[in-house]
């Protein structure tokens, strides 16, 4: 199923390999949306991950929340959609 979680997870894996400063800390899939918790040393790295996922062109990607404390930036990305 091109609209299920597997294509989103595959795209996420490729984006994380390309953005090695970002670490995955958790994810959940509900009703066609994949929510991903990520952590990095800088907020810019989270934005770079979002850009990488958007450039794949298969999903809508939102960086829903970003927090910075103790020298770490954490954020939540939401991926929705898929290829028709």
PDB file of N, CA and C in Angstrom:
ATOM      1  N   UNK A   1       0.846  -1.190   0.000  1.00  0.00           N
ATOM      2  CA  UNK A   1       0.000   0.000   0.000  1.00  0.00           C
ATOM      3  C   UNK A   1       0.881   1.239   0.000  1.00  0.00           C
ATOM      4  N   UNK A   2       0.770   2.047  -1.041  1.00  0.00           N
ATOM      5  CA  UNK A   2       1.616   3.233  -1.148  1.00  0.00           C
ATOM      6  C   UNK A   2       1.208   4.334  -0.187  1.00  0.00           C
ATOM      7  N   UNK A   3       0.062   4.206   0.477  1.00  0.00           N
ATOM      8  CA  UNK A   3      -0.377   5.212   1.441  1.00  0.00           C
ATOM      9  C   UNK A   3      -0.188   4.754   2.879  1.00  0.00           C
ATOM     10  N   UNK A   4       0.374   3.587   3.088  1.00  0.00           N
ATOM     11  CA  UNK A   4       0.562   3.056   4.432  1.00  0.00           C
ATOM     12  C   UNK A   4       1.854   3.545   5.062  1.00  0.00           C
ATOM     13  N   UNK A   5       2.172   2.998   6.224  1.00  0.00           N
ATOM     14  CA  UNK A   5       3.347   3.471   6.954  1.00  0.00           C
ATOM     15  C   UNK A   5       4.684   3.052   6.348  1.00  0.00           C
ATOM     16  N   UNK A   6       4.738   1.954   5.615  1.00  0.00           N
ATOM     17  CA  UNK A   6       6.023   1.463   5.123  1.00  0.00           C
ATOM     18  C   UNK A   6       6.740   2.455   4.197  1.00  0.00           C
ATOM     19  N   UNK A   7       6.078   3.037   3.186  1.00  0.00           N
ATOM     20  CA  UNK A   7       6.798   4.022   2.353  1.00  0.00           C
ATOM     21  C   UNK A   7       7.283   5.226   3.159  1.00  0.00           C
ATOM     22  N   UNK A   8       6.504   5.636   4.148  1.00  0.00           N
ATOM     23  CA  UNK A   8       6.914   6.765   4.986  1.00  0.00           C
ATOM     24  C   UNK A   8       8.144   6.404   5.814  1.00  0.00           C
ATOM     25  N   UNK A   9       8.145   5.192   6.364  1.00  0.00           N
ATOM     26  CA  UNK A   9       9.291   4.750   7.163  1.00  0.00           C
ATOM     27  C   UNK A   9      10.537   4.583   6.295  1.00  0.00           C
ATOM     28  N   UNK A  10      10.346   4.116   5.073  1.00  0.00           N
ATOM     29  CA  UNK A  10      11.488   3.973   4.161  1.00  0.00           C
ATOM     30  C   UNK A  10      12.074   5.342   3.819  1.00  0.00           C
ATOM     31  N   UNK A  11      11.216   6.327   3.542  1.00  0.00           N
ATOM     32  CA  UNK A  11      11.683   7.682   3.246  1.00  0.00           C
ATOM     33  C   UNK A  11      12.367   8.290   4.467  1.00  0.00           C
ATOM     34  N   UNK A  12      11.811   8.041   5.634  1.00  0.00           N
ATOM     35  CA  UNK A  12      12.403   8.539   6.873  1.00  0.00           C
ATOM     36  C   UNK A  12      13.793   7.936   7.083  1.00  0.00           C
ATOM     37  N   UNK A  13      13.919   6.639   6.856  1.00  0.00           N
ATOM     38  CA  UNK A  13      15.214   5.983   6.999  1.00  0.00           C
ATOM     39  C   UNK A  13      16.257   6.585   6.075  1.00  0.00           C
ATOM     40  N   UNK A  14      15.879   6.831   4.830  1.00  0.00           N
ATOM     41  CA  UNK A  14      16.821   7.433   3.870  1.00  0.00           C
ATOM     42  C   UNK A  14      17.202   8.846   4.303  1.00  0.00           C
ATOM     43  N   UNK A  15      16.231   9.617   4.779  1.00  0.00           N
ATOM     44  CA  UNK A  15      16.508  10.992   5.218  1.00  0.00           C
ATOM     45  C   UNK A  15      17.401  11.000   6.458  1.00  0.00           C
ATOM     46  N   UNK A  16      17.194  10.060   7.360  1.00  0.00           N
ATOM     47  CA  UNK A  16      18.031   9.981   8.561  1.00  0.00           C
ATOM     48  C   UNK A  16      19.464   9.570   8.215  1.00  0.00           C
ATOM     49  N   UNK A  17      19.609   8.691   7.226  1.00  0.00           N
ATOM     50  CA  UNK A  17      20.960   8.314   6.791  1.00  0.00           C
ATOM     51  C   UNK A  17      21.685   9.512   6.187  1.00  0.00           C
ATOM     52  N   UNK A  18      20.935  10.387   5.514  1.00  0.00           N
ATOM     53  CA  UNK A  18      21.528  11.573   4.895  1.00  0.00           C
ATOM     54  C   UNK A  18      21.786  12.686   5.918  1.00  0.00           C
ATOM     55  N   UNK A  19      21.076  12.667   7.029  1.00  0.00           N
ATOM     56  CA  UNK A  19      21.207  13.679   8.082  1.00  0.00           C
ATOM     57  C   UNK A  19      21.629  12.984   9.365  1.00  0.00           C
ATOM     58  N   UNK A  20      22.892  12.602   9.424  1.00  0.00           N
ATOM     59  CA  UNK A  20      23.373  11.743  10.511  1.00  0.00           C
ATOM     60  C   UNK A  20      23.415  12.421  11.876  1.00  0.00           C
ATOM     61  N   UNK A  21      23.231  13.726  11.933  1.00  0.00           N
ATOM     62  CA  UNK A  21      23.232  14.405  13.233  1.00  0.00           C
ATOM     63  C   UNK A  21      21.875  14.323  13.920  1.00  0.00           C
ATOM     64  N   UNK A  22      20.863  13.798  13.219  1.00  0.00           N
ATOM     65  CA  UNK A  22      19.514  13.664  13.781  1.00  0.00           C
ATOM     66  C   UNK A  22      19.304  12.226  14.227  1.00  0.00           C
ATOM     67  N   UNK A  23      18.739  12.077  15.420  1.00  0.00           N
ATOM     68  CA  UNK A  23      18.444  10.745  15.950  1.00  0.00           C
ATOM     69  C   UNK A  23      16.939  10.580  16.120  1.00  0.00           C
ATOM     70  N   UNK A  24      16.456   9.434  15.762  1.00  0.00           N
ATOM     71  CA  UNK A  24      15.050   9.085  15.946  1.00  0.00           C
ATOM     72  C   UNK A  24      14.848   8.656  17.390  1.00  0.00           C
ATOM     73  N   UNK A  25      13.860   9.244  18.058  1.00  0.00           N
ATOM     74  CA  UNK A  25      13.596   8.849  19.447  1.00  0.00           C
ATOM     75  C   UNK A  25      12.239   8.186  19.616  1.00  0.00           C
ATOM     76  N   UNK A  26      11.404   8.205  18.575  1.00  0.00           N
ATOM     77  CA  UNK A  26      10.124   7.511  18.646  1.00  0.00           C
ATOM     78  C   UNK A  26       9.257   7.865  17.460  1.00  0.00           C
ATOM     79  N   UNK A  27       8.247   7.028  17.215  1.00  0.00           N
ATOM     80  CA  UNK A  27       7.300   7.321  16.139  1.00  0.00           C
ATOM     81  C   UNK A  27       5.990   6.600  16.409  1.00  0.00           C
ATOM     82  N   UNK A  28       4.938   7.102  15.777  1.00  0.00           N
ATOM     83  CA  UNK A  28       3.631   6.448  15.838  1.00  0.00           C
ATOM     84  C   UNK A  28       2.913   6.715  14.521  1.00  0.00           C
ATOM     85  N   UNK A  29       2.013   5.808  14.159  1.00  0.00           N
ATOM     86  CA  UNK A  29       1.252   5.918  12.918  1.00  0.00           C
ATOM     87  C   UNK A  29      -0.226   5.811  13.248  1.00  0.00           C
ATOM     88  N   UNK A  30      -0.987   6.824  12.849  1.00  0.00           N
ATOM     89  CA  UNK A  30      -2.434   6.834  13.077  1.00  0.00           C
ATOM     90  C   UNK A  30      -3.129   7.489  11.897  1.00  0.00           C
ATOM     91  N   UNK A  31      -4.135   6.848  11.380  1.00  0.00           N
ATOM     92  CA  UNK A  31      -5.022   7.427  10.362  1.00  0.00           C
ATOM     93  C   UNK A  31      -4.279   8.090   9.203  1.00  0.00           C
ATOM     94  N   UNK A  32      -3.277   7.422   8.689  1.00  0.00           N
ATOM     95  CA  UNK A  32      -2.572   7.930   7.522  1.00  0.00           C
ATOM     96  C   UNK A  32      -1.469   8.930   7.802  1.00  0.00           C
ATOM     97  N   UNK A  33      -1.175   9.186   9.070  1.00  0.00           N
ATOM     98  CA  UNK A  33      -0.111  10.126   9.424  1.00  0.00           C
ATOM     99  C   UNK A  33       0.944   9.437  10.282  1.00  0.00           C
ATOM    100  N   UNK A  34       2.191   9.706   9.953  1.00  0.00           N
ATOM    101  CA  UNK A  34       3.308   9.209  10.740  1.00  0.00           C
ATOM    102  C   UNK A  34       3.867  10.373  11.544  1.00  0.00           C
ATOM    103  N   UNK A  35       3.832  10.250  12.871  1.00  0.00           N
ATOM    104  CA  UNK A  35       4.430  11.262  13.738  1.00  0.00           C
ATOM    105  C   UNK A  35       5.759  10.728  14.239  1.00  0.00           C
ATOM    106  N   UNK A  36       6.791  11.551  14.105  1.00  0.00           N
ATOM    107  CA  UNK A  36       8.151  11.136  14.400  1.00  0.00           C
ATOM    108  C   UNK A  36       8.760  12.102  15.409  1.00  0.00           C
ATOM    109  N   UNK A  37       9.305  11.549  16.485  1.00  0.00           N
ATOM    110  CA  UNK A  37      10.047  12.341  17.462  1.00  0.00           C
ATOM    111  C   UNK A  37      11.525  12.226  17.126  1.00  0.00           C
ATOM    112  N   UNK A  38      12.194  13.376  16.989  1.00  0.00           N
ATOM    113  CA  UNK A  38      13.603  13.387  16.623  1.00  0.00           C
ATOM    114  C   UNK A  38      14.388  14.323  17.536  1.00  0.00           C
ATOM    115  N   UNK A  39      15.699  14.098  17.573  1.00  0.00           N
ATOM    116  CA  UNK A  39      16.587  14.891  18.426  1.00  0.00           C
ATOM    117  C   UNK A  39      17.878  15.177  17.674  1.00  0.00           C
ATOM    118  N   UNK A  40      18.427  16.376  17.880  1.00  0.00           N
ATOM    119  CA  UNK A  40      19.687  16.765  17.253  1.00  0.00           C
ATOM    120  C   UNK A  40      20.376  17.802  18.143  1.00  0.00           C
ATOM    121  N   UNK A  41      21.618  18.122  17.781  1.00  0.00           N
ATOM    122  CA  UNK A  41      22.342  19.136  18.534  1.00  0.00           C
ATOM    123  C   UNK A  41      21.882  20.548  18.193  1.00  0.00           C
ATOM    124  N   UNK A  42      21.335  20.737  16.982  1.00  0.00           N
ATOM    125  CA  UNK A  42      20.902  22.062  16.539  1.00  0.00           C
ATOM    126  C   UNK A  42      19.536  21.984  15.872  1.00  0.00           C
ATOM    127  N   UNK A  43      18.773  23.050  16.027  1.00  0.00           N
ATOM    128  CA  UNK A  43      17.450  23.122  15.404  1.00  0.00           C
ATOM    129  C   UNK A  43      17.565  23.034  13.888  1.00  0.00           C
ATOM    130  N   UNK A  44      18.617  23.611  13.320  1.00  0.00           N
ATOM    131  CA  UNK A  44      18.802  23.584  11.874  1.00  0.00           C
ATOM    132  C   UNK A  44      18.831  22.153  11.333  1.00  0.00           C
ATOM    133  N   UNK A  45      19.372  21.217  12.090  1.00  0.00           N
ATOM    134  CA  UNK A  45      19.424  19.820  11.648  1.00  0.00           C
ATOM    135  C   UNK A  45      18.015  19.242  11.509  1.00  0.00           C
ATOM    136  N   UNK A  46      17.100  19.651  12.385  1.00  0.00           N
ATOM    137  CA  UNK A  46      15.710  19.183  12.282  1.00  0.00           C
ATOM    138  C   UNK A  46      15.055  19.758  11.037  1.00  0.00           C
ATOM    139  N   UNK A  47      15.323  21.022  10.755  1.00  0.00           N
ATOM    140  CA  UNK A  47      14.782  21.646   9.554  1.00  0.00           C
ATOM    141  C   UNK A  47      15.368  21.001   8.301  1.00  0.00           C
ATOM    142  N   UNK A  48      16.650  20.644   8.356  1.00  0.00           N
ATOM    143  CA  UNK A  48      17.283  19.955   7.223  1.00  0.00           C
ATOM    144  C   UNK A  48      16.632  18.595   6.970  1.00  0.00           C
ATOM    145  N   UNK A  49      16.273  17.895   8.042  1.00  0.00           N
ATOM    146  CA  UNK A  49      15.587  16.611   7.897  1.00  0.00           C
ATOM    147  C   UNK A  49      14.232  16.811   7.231  1.00  0.00           C
ATOM    148  N   UNK A  50      13.514  17.819   7.666  1.00  0.00           N
ATOM    149  CA  UNK A  50      12.210  18.131   7.055  1.00  0.00           C
ATOM    150  C   UNK A  50      12.382  18.405   5.566  1.00  0.00           C
ATOM    151  N   UNK A  51      13.388  19.202   5.221  1.00  0.00           N
ATOM    152  CA  UNK A  51      13.641  19.523   3.816  1.00  0.00           C
ATOM    153  C   UNK A  51      13.961  18.265   3.014  1.00  0.00           C
ATOM    154  N   UNK A  52      14.761  17.383   3.568  1.00  0.00           N
ATOM    155  CA  UNK A  52      15.095  16.124   2.888  1.00  0.00           C
ATOM    156  C   UNK A  52      13.850  15.303   2.608  1.00  0.00           C
ATOM    157  N   UNK A  53      12.961  15.243   3.579  1.00  0.00           N
ATOM    158  CA  UNK A  53      11.724  14.475   3.398  1.00  0.00           C
ATOM    159  C   UNK A  53      10.812  15.133   2.360  1.00  0.00           C
ATOM    160  N   UNK A  54      10.744  16.443   2.364  1.00  0.00           N
ATOM    161  CA  UNK A  54       9.922  17.147   1.384  1.00  0.00           C
ATOM    162  C   UNK A  54      10.461  16.972  -0.026  1.00  0.00           C
ATOM    163  N   UNK A  55      11.776  16.927  -0.169  1.00  0.00           N
ATOM    164  CA  UNK A  55      12.380  16.789  -1.487  1.00  0.00           C
ATOM    165  C   UNK A  55      12.105  15.418  -2.096  1.00  0.00           C
ATOM    166  N   UNK A  56      11.782  14.445  -1.251  1.00  0.00           N
ATOM    167  CA  UNK A  56      11.393  13.133  -1.780  1.00  0.00           C
ATOM    168  C   UNK A  56      10.110  13.269  -2.593  1.00  0.00           C
ATOM    169  N   UNK A  57       9.287  14.303  -2.296  1.00  0.00           N
ATOM    170  CA  UNK A  57       8.119  14.621  -3.090  1.00  0.00           C
ATOM    171  C   UNK A  57       6.929  13.709  -2.909  1.00  0.00           C
ATOM    172  N   UNK A  58       6.965  12.827  -1.935  1.00  0.00           N
ATOM    173  CA  UNK A  58       5.889  11.859  -1.780  1.00  0.00           C
ATOM    174  C   UNK A  58       4.922  12.211  -0.659  1.00  0.00           C
ATOM    175  N   UNK A  59       5.348  13.084   0.253  1.00  0.00           N
ATOM    176  CA  UNK A  59       4.566  13.329   1.449  1.00  0.00           C
ATOM    177  C   UNK A  59       4.504  14.816   1.771  1.00  0.00           C
ATOM    178  N   UNK A  60       3.486  15.173   2.517  1.00  0.00           N
ATOM    179  CA  UNK A  60       3.438  16.480   3.142  1.00  0.00           C
ATOM    180  C   UNK A  60       4.139  16.332   4.481  1.00  0.00           C
ATOM    181  N   UNK A  61       5.068  17.228   4.778  1.00  0.00           N
ATOM    182  CA  UNK A  61       5.859  17.132   6.003  1.00  0.00           C
ATOM    183  C   UNK A  61       5.719  18.426   6.790  1.00  0.00           C
ATOM    184  N   UNK A  62       5.349  18.304   8.053  1.00  0.00           N
ATOM    185  CA  UNK A  62       5.263  19.455   8.942  1.00  0.00           C
ATOM    186  C   UNK A  62       6.178  19.248  10.129  1.00  0.00           C
ATOM    187  N   UNK A  63       6.882  20.299  10.502  1.00  0.00           N
ATOM    188  CA  UNK A  63       7.671  20.303  11.731  1.00  0.00           C
ATOM    189  C   UNK A  63       6.773  20.958  12.769  1.00  0.00           C
ATOM    190  N   UNK A  64       6.090  20.115  13.560  1.00  0.00           N
ATOM    191  CA  UNK A  64       5.014  20.586  14.429  1.00  0.00           C
ATOM    192  C   UNK A  64       5.495  21.281  15.685  1.00  0.00           C
ATOM    193  N   UNK A  65       6.517  20.790  16.293  1.00  0.00           N
ATOM    194  CA  UNK A  65       6.995  21.423  17.523  1.00  0.00           C
ATOM    195  C   UNK A  65       8.488  21.235  17.631  1.00  0.00           C
ATOM    196  N   UNK A  66       9.148  22.262  18.132  1.00  0.00           N
ATOM    197  CA  UNK A  66      10.588  22.220  18.334  1.00  0.00           C
ATOM    198  C   UNK A  66      10.886  22.824  19.693  1.00  0.00           C
ATOM    199  N   UNK A  67      11.708  22.142  20.455  1.00  0.00           N
ATOM    200  CA  UNK A  67      12.153  22.630  21.751  1.00  0.00           C
ATOM    201  C   UNK A  67      13.658  22.494  21.821  1.00  0.00           C
ATOM    202  N   UNK A  68      14.271  23.409  22.540  1.00  0.00           N
ATOM    203  CA  UNK A  68      15.710  23.342  22.733  1.00  0.00           C
ATOM    204  C   UNK A  68      16.017  23.482  24.217  1.00  0.00           C
ATOM    205  N   UNK A  69      16.697  22.484  24.757  1.00  0.00           N
ATOM    206  CA  UNK A  69      17.120  22.547  26.155  1.00  0.00           C
ATOM    207  C   UNK A  69      18.299  21.611  26.362  1.00  0.00           C
ATOM    208  N   UNK A  70      19.141  21.965  27.307  1.00  0.00           N
ATOM    209  CA  UNK A  70      20.316  21.156  27.644  1.00  0.00           C
ATOM    210  C   UNK A  70      21.189  20.856  26.426  1.00  0.00           C
ATOM    211  N   UNK A  71      21.274  21.802  25.507  1.00  0.00           N
ATOM    212  CA  UNK A  71      22.125  21.625  24.340  1.00  0.00           C
ATOM    213  C   UNK A  71      21.591  20.689  23.282  1.00  0.00           C
ATOM    214  N   UNK A  72      20.329  20.300  23.397  1.00  0.00           N
ATOM    215  CA  UNK A  72      19.707  19.416  22.409  1.00  0.00           C
ATOM    216  C   UNK A  72      18.422  20.051  21.882  1.00  0.00           C
ATOM    217  N   UNK A  73      18.167  19.838  20.613  1.00  0.00           N
ATOM    218  CA  UNK A  73      16.920  20.274  19.991  1.00  0.00           C
ATOM    219  C   UNK A  73      16.065  19.030  19.754  1.00  0.00           C
ATOM    220  N   UNK A  74      14.828  19.077  20.183  1.00  0.00           N
ATOM    221  CA  UNK A  74      13.900  17.984  19.931  1.00  0.00           C
ATOM    222  C   UNK A  74      12.732  18.525  19.122  1.00  0.00           C
ATOM    223  N   UNK A  75      12.165  17.670  18.316  1.00  0.00           N
ATOM    224  CA  UNK A  75      11.047  18.100  17.490  1.00  0.00           C
ATOM    225  C   UNK A  75      10.161  16.940  17.100  1.00  0.00           C
ATOM    226  N   UNK A  76       8.996  17.302  16.574  1.00  0.00           N
ATOM    227  CA  UNK A  76       8.052  16.308  16.082  1.00  0.00           C
ATOM    228  C   UNK A  76       7.714  16.643  14.626  1.00  0.00           C
ATOM    229  N   UNK A  77       7.952  15.684  13.768  1.00  0.00           N
ATOM    230  CA  UNK A  77       7.598  15.798  12.364  1.00  0.00           C
ATOM    231  C   UNK A  77       6.350  14.966  12.103  1.00  0.00           C
ATOM    232  N   UNK A  78       5.465  15.476  11.262  1.00  0.00           N
ATOM    233  CA  UNK A  78       4.298  14.704  10.849  1.00  0.00           C
ATOM    234  C   UNK A  78       4.334  14.551   9.334  1.00  0.00           C
ATOM    235  N   UNK A  79       4.300  13.307   8.878  1.00  0.00           N
ATOM    236  CA  UNK A  79       4.250  12.984   7.457  1.00  0.00           C
ATOM    237  C   UNK A  79       2.847  12.508   7.131  1.00  0.00           C
ATOM    238  N   UNK A  80       2.257  13.078   6.102  1.00  0.00           N
ATOM    239  CA  UNK A  80       0.932  12.651   5.639  1.00  0.00           C
ATOM    240  C   UNK A  80       0.954  12.490   4.135  1.00  0.00           C
ATOM    241  N   UNK A  81       0.002  11.737   3.653  1.00  0.00           N
ATOM    242  CA  UNK A  81      -0.128  11.551   2.224  1.00  0.00           C
ATOM    243  C   UNK A  81       0.702  10.384   1.735  1.00  0.00           C
ATOM    244  N   UNK A  82       0.800  10.309   0.447  1.00  0.00           N
ATOM    245  CA  UNK A  82       1.560   9.242  -0.187  1.00  0.00           C
ATOM    246  C   UNK A  82       1.399   9.331  -1.672  1.00  0.00           C
ATOM    247  N   UNK A  83       2.004   8.429  -2.374  1.00  0.00           N
ATOM    248  CA  UNK A  83       1.883   8.430  -3.826  1.00  0.00           C
ATOM    249  C   UNK A  83       0.549   7.839  -4.221  1.00  0.00           C
ATOM    250  N   UNK A  84      -0.084   8.395  -5.241  1.00  0.00           N
ATOM    251  CA  UNK A  84      -1.396   7.870  -5.677  1.00  0.00           C
ATOM    252  C   UNK A  84      -1.282   6.499  -6.304  1.00  0.00           C
TER     253      UNK A  84
END
